[in-house]
Amino acid sequence: MIRRALSQVPYPGFTRDVVSFGIVKEIEVSDGSVSVSLALTSSDPEVAPRLKKDVEQALADLEGVEKVEVLVAVKSKKAPEEEPSSNAEEAPMQKVRIAIAVASGKGGVGKSTFTSNLACAMDRILRKAGKPSSVGIMDCDIYGPSIPLMMGVNRRPEVVDGMIQPLENFGVRVMSMGFLVEEDVPVIWRGPMVMKTIQQFASNVDWGELEVLFVDLPPGTGDAQLSLVQTVPLEGAVVVTTPQLAAVNVARRGAMMFDKVNVPLVGVAENMSYLLDEKTGEKSFLFGEGGGERTARYLETDFLGQVPLDPRIREGSDHGVPVVVSDPDIPCSQVFYQIAQQISDKFNLTSGDQE
């Protein structure tokens, strides 16, 4: 309840709220008393008292809140003209309207396949609404990058004026570790190297103006995930699972990480849900049934949909042409479009007026 209230408090001079800016560092609740710690970088002496007042007002009227204490730590900027940010290296991300993580608790659920098809579907929805070149994918699976294969891009990116230019295919801009290392060379890195790479993807890649950036995470809750939420101002996260009980249990634990770092869940999507007989409409639930819906209920978020187990999805990924591009009208592609439309509606991506 407190995080929801804070997400309605804008950073002074910006439409982005204090939660998505990443300046809310700690929330403590005890017997009706709420303590909120903020940390920001600003050269404007009026920002801190303004934020303190706005946060106090946002929390004072909440049910059960008797006392509010707001602590603001301010680090001065070297250059007054710089824009406020939770991290000085985030400037290139300011042109990205919405950043959404795509995550899973365990591997093997088809998360990267889901991400590539979702991005292409979203691109077509936004283009239809008159917003071209507006979707990107940041592949943060440092150890096993598969987005380059699935998106059909495998060349080295160019560097212009010190900024890496993301590669583009099907209208989607892509950056991945797979572009920077040889195909057969393993990435054997410790945590600090992973963190630095993700920071470079956010600060040294010229993403340009994007309506939405999908961030494909590796499975788990380790260095890559923590580095991401510390570097990129995420607006939300989509959790991908499969119907099996093992996948559902791990997905729940993985999703709860986002709650700990104040990133709201957009919803849960279930992949490889069923085998569809398109002639009869009969569904065969090979891996169980209802796991995704149970996960969404447990996490108190939306259930976005069920992606069927269809060999054409796998074939599209293997050939570098997502199925939503090669066969947009078949049932499995339509599911991706429906999920993309739900996300678009949640963030008003196709509306004329942007917040």
Protein backbone atom coordinates (compact mmCIF):
# COMPACT_ATOMS: atom_id res chain seq x y z
CA MET A 1 0.00 0.00 0.00
CA ILE A 2 2.86 2.36 0.84
CA ARG A 3 4.73 1.57 -2.37
CA ARG A 4 1.57 2.17 -4.40
CA ALA A 5 1.17 5.56 -2.74
CA LEU A 6 4.81 6.44 -3.39
CA SER A 7 4.45 5.46 -7.04
CA GLN A 8 2.00 8.36 -7.36
CA VAL A 9 4.59 10.91 -6.19
CA PRO A 10 6.40 12.47 -9.19
CA TYR A 11 10.02 13.57 -9.08
CA PRO A 12 9.93 17.38 -9.19
CA GLY A 13 10.01 18.55 -12.79
CA PHE A 14 9.45 15.05 -14.21
CA THR A 15 6.46 12.82 -14.87
CA ARG A 16 8.33 9.71 -13.65
CA ASP A 17 7.57 8.79 -10.04
CA VAL A 18 10.07 8.44 -7.19
CA VAL A 19 9.77 4.63 -7.14
CA SER A 20 10.60 4.12 -10.82
CA PHE A 21 13.41 6.67 -10.50
CA GLY A 22 14.96 4.34 -7.93
CA ILE A 23 15.41 6.91 -5.18
CA VAL A 24 13.28 5.04 -2.60
CA LYS A 25 15.94 3.08 -0.75
CA GLU A 26 14.14 1.78 2.34
CA ILE A 27 10.65 1.50 3.81
CA GLU A 28 10.07 0.54 7.43
CA VAL A 29 6.70 0.01 9.12
CA SER A 30 6.11 -0.47 12.84
CA ASP A 31 2.89 -0.04 14.84
CA GLY A 32 1.43 2.63 12.60
CA SER A 33 4.72 4.46 12.10
CA VAL A 34 6.21 4.61 8.60
CA SER A 35 9.80 5.56 7.84
CA VAL A 36 10.88 6.16 4.24
CA SER A 37 14.50 6.73 3.18
CA LEU A 38 15.21 8.54 -0.09
CA ALA A 39 18.59 8.99 -1.77
CA LEU A 40 18.99 11.28 -4.75
CA THR A 41 21.52 13.24 -6.75
CA SER A 42 20.58 16.87 -7.35
CA SER A 43 22.12 20.33 -7.47
CA ASP A 44 18.76 22.01 -6.84
CA PRO A 45 18.37 22.82 -3.11
CA GLU A 46 14.58 22.90 -3.44
CA VAL A 47 14.21 19.28 -4.58
CA ALA A 48 14.84 17.56 -1.22
CA PRO A 49 12.35 19.59 0.88
CA ARG A 50 9.78 19.38 -1.94
CA LEU A 51 10.10 15.60 -2.10
CA LYS A 52 9.96 15.29 1.69
CA LYS A 53 6.73 17.27 1.79
CA ASP A 54 5.13 15.42 -1.15
CA VAL A 55 5.95 12.00 0.31
CA GLU A 56 4.64 12.97 3.73
CA GLN A 57 1.37 14.15 2.20
CA ALA A 58 1.02 10.98 0.10
CA LEU A 59 1.40 8.73 3.14
CA ALA A 60 -0.34 10.76 5.85
CA ASP A 61 -3.88 9.88 4.75
CA LEU A 62 -3.29 6.13 4.34
CA GLU A 63 -5.38 3.89 6.54
CA GLY A 64 -3.48 2.74 9.61
CA VAL A 65 -0.67 5.28 9.23
CA GLU A 66 -0.31 7.37 12.38
CA LYS A 67 3.19 8.81 11.98
CA VAL A 68 5.35 9.47 8.90
CA GLU A 69 9.09 10.09 8.89
CA VAL A 70 10.88 10.88 5.62
CA LEU A 71 14.67 10.90 5.45
CA VAL A 72 16.30 12.42 2.35
CA ALA A 73 19.98 11.95 1.55
CA VAL A 74 21.25 14.27 -1.20
CA LYS A 75 24.45 13.97 -3.22
CA SER A 76 25.36 17.13 -5.11
CA LYS A 77 25.98 16.97 -8.84
CA LYS A 78 29.19 18.09 -10.47
CA ALA A 79 27.29 19.80 -13.29
CA PRO A 80 24.10 21.70 -12.40
CA GLU A 81 22.66 21.28 -15.88
CA GLU A 82 22.52 17.47 -15.61
CA GLU A 83 19.09 15.94 -15.30
CA PRO A 84 18.13 14.16 -12.04
CA SER A 85 18.66 10.44 -12.02
CA SER A 86 19.06 7.65 -9.50
CA ASN A 87 22.36 6.87 -11.22
CA ALA A 88 24.52 9.28 -13.21
CA GLU A 89 25.09 6.64 -15.87
CA GLU A 90 21.41 6.32 -16.73
CA ALA A 91 21.20 9.38 -19.02
CA PRO A 92 20.74 7.44 -22.31
CA MET A 93 17.82 5.62 -20.72
CA GLN A 94 15.94 8.89 -20.27
CA LYS A 95 14.65 8.52 -23.84
CA VAL A 96 13.11 5.14 -22.97
CA ARG A 97 9.54 5.70 -21.88
CA ILE A 98 8.88 2.26 -20.34
CA ALA A 99 11.40 -0.43 -19.34
CA ILE A 100 9.92 -3.84 -18.55
CA ALA A 101 11.88 -6.84 -17.29
CA VAL A 102 10.96 -10.32 -18.52
CA ALA A 103 11.95 -12.80 -15.85
CA SER A 104 11.59 -16.38 -14.71
CA GLY A 105 12.59 -18.26 -11.62
CA LYS A 106 14.13 -21.17 -13.50
CA GLY A 107 15.62 -21.88 -16.89
CA GLY A 108 13.98 -23.77 -19.70
CA VAL A 109 10.62 -22.00 -19.64
CA GLY A 110 11.16 -20.28 -23.00
CA LYS A 111 11.62 -16.79 -21.61
CA SER A 112 13.86 -15.50 -24.43
CA THR A 113 11.52 -16.96 -27.05
CA PHE A 114 8.66 -15.25 -25.26
CA THR A 115 10.57 -11.94 -25.14
CA SER A 116 11.49 -11.90 -28.83
CA ASN A 117 7.93 -12.64 -29.94
CA LEU A 118 6.45 -10.20 -27.43
CA ALA A 119 8.76 -7.41 -28.64
CA CYS A 120 7.91 -8.00 -32.29
CA ALA A 121 4.20 -8.13 -31.50
CA MET A 122 4.45 -4.90 -29.52
CA ASP A 123 6.35 -3.23 -32.38
CA ARG A 124 3.55 -4.00 -34.79
CA ILE A 125 0.88 -2.77 -32.38
CA LEU A 126 2.73 0.51 -31.86
CA ARG A 127 3.46 0.97 -35.56
CA LYS A 128 -0.22 0.49 -36.29
CA ALA A 129 -0.85 3.30 -33.80
CA GLY A 130 1.61 5.53 -35.66
CA LYS A 131 4.68 5.07 -33.42
CA PRO A 132 7.48 3.54 -35.56
CA SER A 133 10.86 2.30 -34.31
CA SER A 134 9.69 2.25 -30.72
CA VAL A 135 10.65 -1.16 -29.22
CA GLY A 136 13.95 -2.56 -28.01
CA ILE A 137 15.35 -5.68 -26.34
CA MET A 138 18.22 -5.56 -23.83
CA ASP A 139 19.51 -9.12 -23.51
CA CYS A 140 20.92 -9.36 -19.98
CA ASP A 141 21.46 -13.11 -20.10
CA ILE A 142 25.22 -12.63 -20.03
CA TYR A 143 26.18 -16.30 -19.78
CA GLY A 144 23.76 -17.73 -22.33
CA PRO A 145 22.57 -15.01 -24.73
CA SER A 146 20.05 -16.42 -27.20
CA ILE A 147 18.23 -13.27 -28.37
CA PRO A 148 20.67 -12.74 -31.32
CA LEU A 149 19.74 -16.15 -32.75
CA MET A 150 16.02 -15.68 -32.19
CA MET A 151 15.98 -12.16 -33.68
CA GLY A 152 18.15 -13.10 -36.65
CA VAL A 153 20.99 -10.64 -35.91
CA ASN A 154 24.58 -11.87 -35.56
CA ARG A 155 26.97 -9.09 -36.60
CA ARG A 156 29.12 -6.74 -34.54
CA PRO A 157 27.48 -3.45 -33.54
CA GLU A 158 29.09 -0.19 -34.61
CA VAL A 159 30.40 2.45 -32.21
CA VAL A 160 29.58 6.08 -33.07
CA ASP A 161 30.90 8.92 -30.91
CA GLY A 162 31.66 6.48 -28.12
CA MET A 163 28.14 5.00 -28.10
CA ILE A 164 27.31 1.43 -29.17
CA GLN A 165 24.62 1.34 -31.84
CA PRO A 166 22.06 -1.41 -31.19
CA LEU A 167 21.36 -3.76 -34.06
CA GLU A 168 17.87 -3.82 -35.52
CA ASN A 169 15.66 -6.42 -37.14
CA PHE A 170 11.90 -6.55 -37.66
CA GLY A 171 11.80 -2.96 -36.35
CA VAL A 172 13.16 -3.97 -32.92
CA ARG A 173 16.48 -2.63 -31.61
CA VAL A 174 18.61 -5.27 -29.90
CA MET A 175 21.69 -5.29 -27.69
CA SER A 176 23.19 -8.51 -26.40
CA MET A 177 26.40 -9.99 -25.04
CA GLY A 178 26.11 -12.38 -27.96
CA PHE A 179 27.21 -9.55 -30.29
CA LEU A 180 30.44 -8.99 -28.38
CA VAL A 181 31.90 -12.48 -27.93
CA GLU A 182 32.70 -15.32 -30.30
CA GLU A 183 29.95 -17.90 -30.63
CA ASP A 184 31.95 -20.78 -29.11
CA VAL A 185 33.68 -18.77 -26.38
CA PRO A 186 32.14 -19.16 -22.89
CA VAL A 187 31.64 -16.09 -20.72
CA ILE A 188 33.35 -16.96 -17.43
CA TRP A 189 32.81 -13.88 -15.29
CA ARG A 190 32.27 -13.08 -11.66
CA GLY A 191 29.55 -10.76 -10.39
CA PRO A 192 31.35 -7.40 -10.77
CA MET A 193 31.96 -8.02 -14.48
CA VAL A 194 28.30 -8.91 -14.99
CA MET A 195 27.23 -5.73 -13.22
CA LYS A 196 29.58 -3.57 -15.30
CA THR A 197 28.30 -5.07 -18.55
CA ILE A 198 24.68 -4.37 -17.64
CA GLN A 199 25.61 -0.83 -16.66
CA GLN A 200 27.26 -0.39 -20.08
CA PHE A 201 24.16 -1.73 -21.85
CA ALA A 202 22.18 0.98 -20.09
CA SER A 203 24.66 3.86 -20.29
CA ASN A 204 26.80 3.21 -23.39
CA VAL A 205 24.19 2.00 -25.88
CA ASP A 206 22.41 4.58 -28.01
CA TRP A 207 18.88 3.25 -27.63
CA GLY A 208 17.36 6.41 -29.04
CA GLU A 209 13.71 7.16 -28.33
CA LEU A 210 11.81 4.01 -27.38
CA GLU A 211 8.26 3.56 -26.21
CA VAL A 212 9.15 0.28 -24.51
CA LEU A 213 12.37 -1.61 -23.78
CA PHE A 214 12.03 -5.28 -22.86
CA VAL A 215 14.88 -6.53 -20.67
CA ASP A 216 15.45 -10.26 -21.02
CA LEU A 217 16.85 -11.52 -17.71
CA PRO A 218 18.64 -14.77 -16.99
CA PRO A 219 16.79 -17.13 -14.63
CA GLY A 220 17.18 -16.72 -10.90
CA THR A 221 17.72 -13.80 -8.54
CA GLY A 222 21.47 -13.21 -8.77
CA ASP A 223 23.92 -10.55 -9.88
CA ALA A 224 22.28 -9.74 -13.21
CA GLN A 225 18.87 -9.08 -11.68
CA LEU A 226 20.23 -7.00 -8.82
CA SER A 227 22.49 -5.02 -11.16
CA LEU A 228 19.57 -4.34 -13.46
CA VAL A 229 17.23 -2.94 -10.84
CA GLN A 230 20.06 -0.75 -9.53
CA THR A 231 20.85 0.59 -13.01
CA VAL A 232 17.66 0.71 -15.09
CA PRO A 233 14.49 2.48 -13.86
CA LEU A 234 12.08 -0.41 -14.43
CA GLU A 235 8.38 0.31 -14.72
CA GLY A 236 7.45 -3.32 -14.15
CA ALA A 237 8.23 -7.00 -14.67
CA VAL A 238 6.56 -9.84 -16.54
CA VAL A 239 7.06 -13.30 -15.03
CA VAL A 240 7.14 -16.26 -17.42
CA THR A 241 6.44 -19.77 -16.15
CA THR A 242 5.30 -23.15 -17.44
CA PRO A 243 2.45 -25.20 -15.96
CA GLN A 244 4.61 -27.69 -14.00
CA LEU A 245 4.60 -27.41 -10.22
CA ALA A 246 8.41 -27.13 -10.09
CA ALA A 247 8.41 -24.17 -12.48
CA VAL A 248 5.53 -22.48 -10.66
CA ASN A 249 7.18 -22.73 -7.24
CA VAL A 250 10.46 -21.27 -8.50
CA ALA A 251 8.64 -18.56 -10.47
CA ARG A 252 6.94 -17.39 -7.28
CA ARG A 253 10.24 -17.01 -5.47
CA GLY A 254 11.81 -15.24 -8.43
CA ALA A 255 8.90 -12.84 -8.75
CA MET A 256 9.01 -11.92 -5.07
CA MET A 257 12.48 -10.45 -5.68
CA PHE A 258 10.87 -7.60 -7.61
CA ASP A 259 8.65 -6.84 -4.64
CA LYS A 260 11.75 -6.51 -2.47
CA VAL A 261 13.27 -3.94 -4.84
CA ASN A 262 10.03 -1.99 -5.41
CA VAL A 263 9.45 -3.06 -9.02
CA PRO A 264 5.73 -3.75 -9.65
CA LEU A 265 4.62 -6.88 -11.46
CA VAL A 266 2.88 -6.37 -14.79
CA GLY A 267 1.59 -9.92 -14.80
CA VAL A 268 2.30 -13.62 -15.26
CA ALA A 269 2.41 -15.40 -18.63
CA GLU A 270 2.30 -19.17 -18.99
CA ASN A 271 4.40 -20.66 -21.79
CA MET A 272 4.10 -24.16 -23.33
CA SER A 273 0.64 -24.36 -21.81
CA TYR A 274 -1.00 -26.91 -24.09
CA LEU A 275 -0.84 -28.65 -27.44
CA LEU A 276 -3.62 -27.38 -29.68
CA ASP A 277 -5.35 -29.40 -32.37
CA GLU A 278 -6.32 -26.57 -34.71
CA LYS A 279 -8.82 -28.75 -36.59
CA THR A 280 -10.86 -29.77 -33.55
CA GLY A 281 -9.86 -27.02 -31.09
CA GLU A 282 -8.96 -29.69 -28.53
CA LYS A 283 -6.22 -28.82 -26.04
CA SER A 284 -3.83 -31.38 -24.55
CA PHE A 285 -2.22 -30.17 -21.33
CA LEU A 286 1.03 -32.11 -21.48
CA PHE A 287 2.74 -30.39 -18.54
CA GLY A 288 -0.23 -29.90 -16.23
CA GLU A 289 -2.84 -27.18 -16.11
CA GLY A 290 -3.43 -23.92 -14.29
CA GLY A 291 0.09 -23.24 -13.00
CA GLY A 292 0.28 -19.75 -14.45
CA GLU A 293 -3.10 -18.71 -13.08
CA ARG A 294 -2.21 -20.01 -9.62
CA THR A 295 1.06 -18.11 -9.73
CA ALA A 296 -0.73 -14.88 -10.69
CA ARG A 297 -3.24 -15.29 -7.87
CA TYR A 298 -0.47 -15.99 -5.36
CA LEU A 299 1.44 -12.89 -6.48
CA GLU A 300 -1.77 -10.81 -6.63
CA THR A 301 -1.12 -9.75 -10.22
CA ASP A 302 -2.77 -10.23 -13.61
CA PHE A 303 -2.66 -13.44 -15.58
CA LEU A 304 -1.68 -12.31 -19.08
CA GLY A 305 -2.37 -15.49 -21.02
CA GLN A 306 -1.34 -18.98 -22.11
CA VAL A 307 1.08 -19.51 -24.99
CA PRO A 308 0.51 -22.95 -26.58
CA LEU A 309 3.21 -25.51 -27.23
CA ASP A 310 3.59 -25.11 -30.99
CA PRO A 311 6.55 -26.36 -33.06
CA ARG A 312 6.27 -23.28 -35.28
CA ILE A 313 7.35 -21.12 -32.34
CA ARG A 314 10.52 -23.18 -31.97
CA GLU A 315 11.14 -23.22 -35.71
CA GLY A 316 10.82 -19.45 -35.88
CA SER A 317 13.35 -19.00 -33.06
CA ASP A 318 15.81 -21.42 -34.67
CA HIS A 319 15.60 -19.59 -38.00
CA GLY A 320 15.78 -16.09 -36.55
CA VAL A 321 12.25 -15.11 -37.57
CA PRO A 322 9.82 -14.94 -34.62
CA VAL A 323 6.55 -16.66 -35.35
CA VAL A 324 4.57 -13.44 -34.86
CA VAL A 325 6.47 -12.12 -37.90
CA SER A 326 6.40 -15.23 -40.10
CA ASP A 327 2.85 -16.37 -39.24
CA PRO A 328 1.03 -13.52 -37.49
CA ASP A 329 -2.45 -14.98 -37.91
CA ILE A 330 -2.01 -18.45 -36.41
CA PRO A 331 -3.36 -19.08 -32.86
CA CYS A 332 -0.02 -19.05 -31.04
CA SER A 333 0.94 -15.72 -32.64
CA GLN A 334 -2.39 -14.22 -31.71
CA VAL A 335 -1.71 -15.04 -28.05
CA PHE A 336 1.50 -13.00 -28.17
CA TYR A 337 -0.40 -10.10 -29.76
CA GLN A 338 -3.07 -10.31 -27.06
CA ILE A 339 -0.45 -10.22 -24.29
CA ALA A 340 1.35 -7.32 -25.97
CA GLN A 341 -1.94 -5.45 -26.26
CA GLN A 342 -2.63 -5.94 -22.55
CA ILE A 343 0.77 -4.49 -21.67
CA SER A 344 0.24 -1.62 -24.09
CA ASP A 345 -3.11 -0.86 -22.47
CA LYS A 346 -1.64 -0.98 -18.96
CA PHE A 347 0.89 1.72 -19.83
CA ASN A 348 -1.23 3.65 -22.36
CA LEU A 349 1.44 3.11 -25.01
CA THR A 350 -0.88 3.68 -27.95
CA SER A 351 -2.68 6.69 -26.49
CA GLY A 352 -2.14 10.06 -28.07
CA ASP A 353 -1.07 11.78 -24.87
CA GLN A 354 1.91 10.45 -22.99
CA GLU A 355 2.22 11.02 -19.29
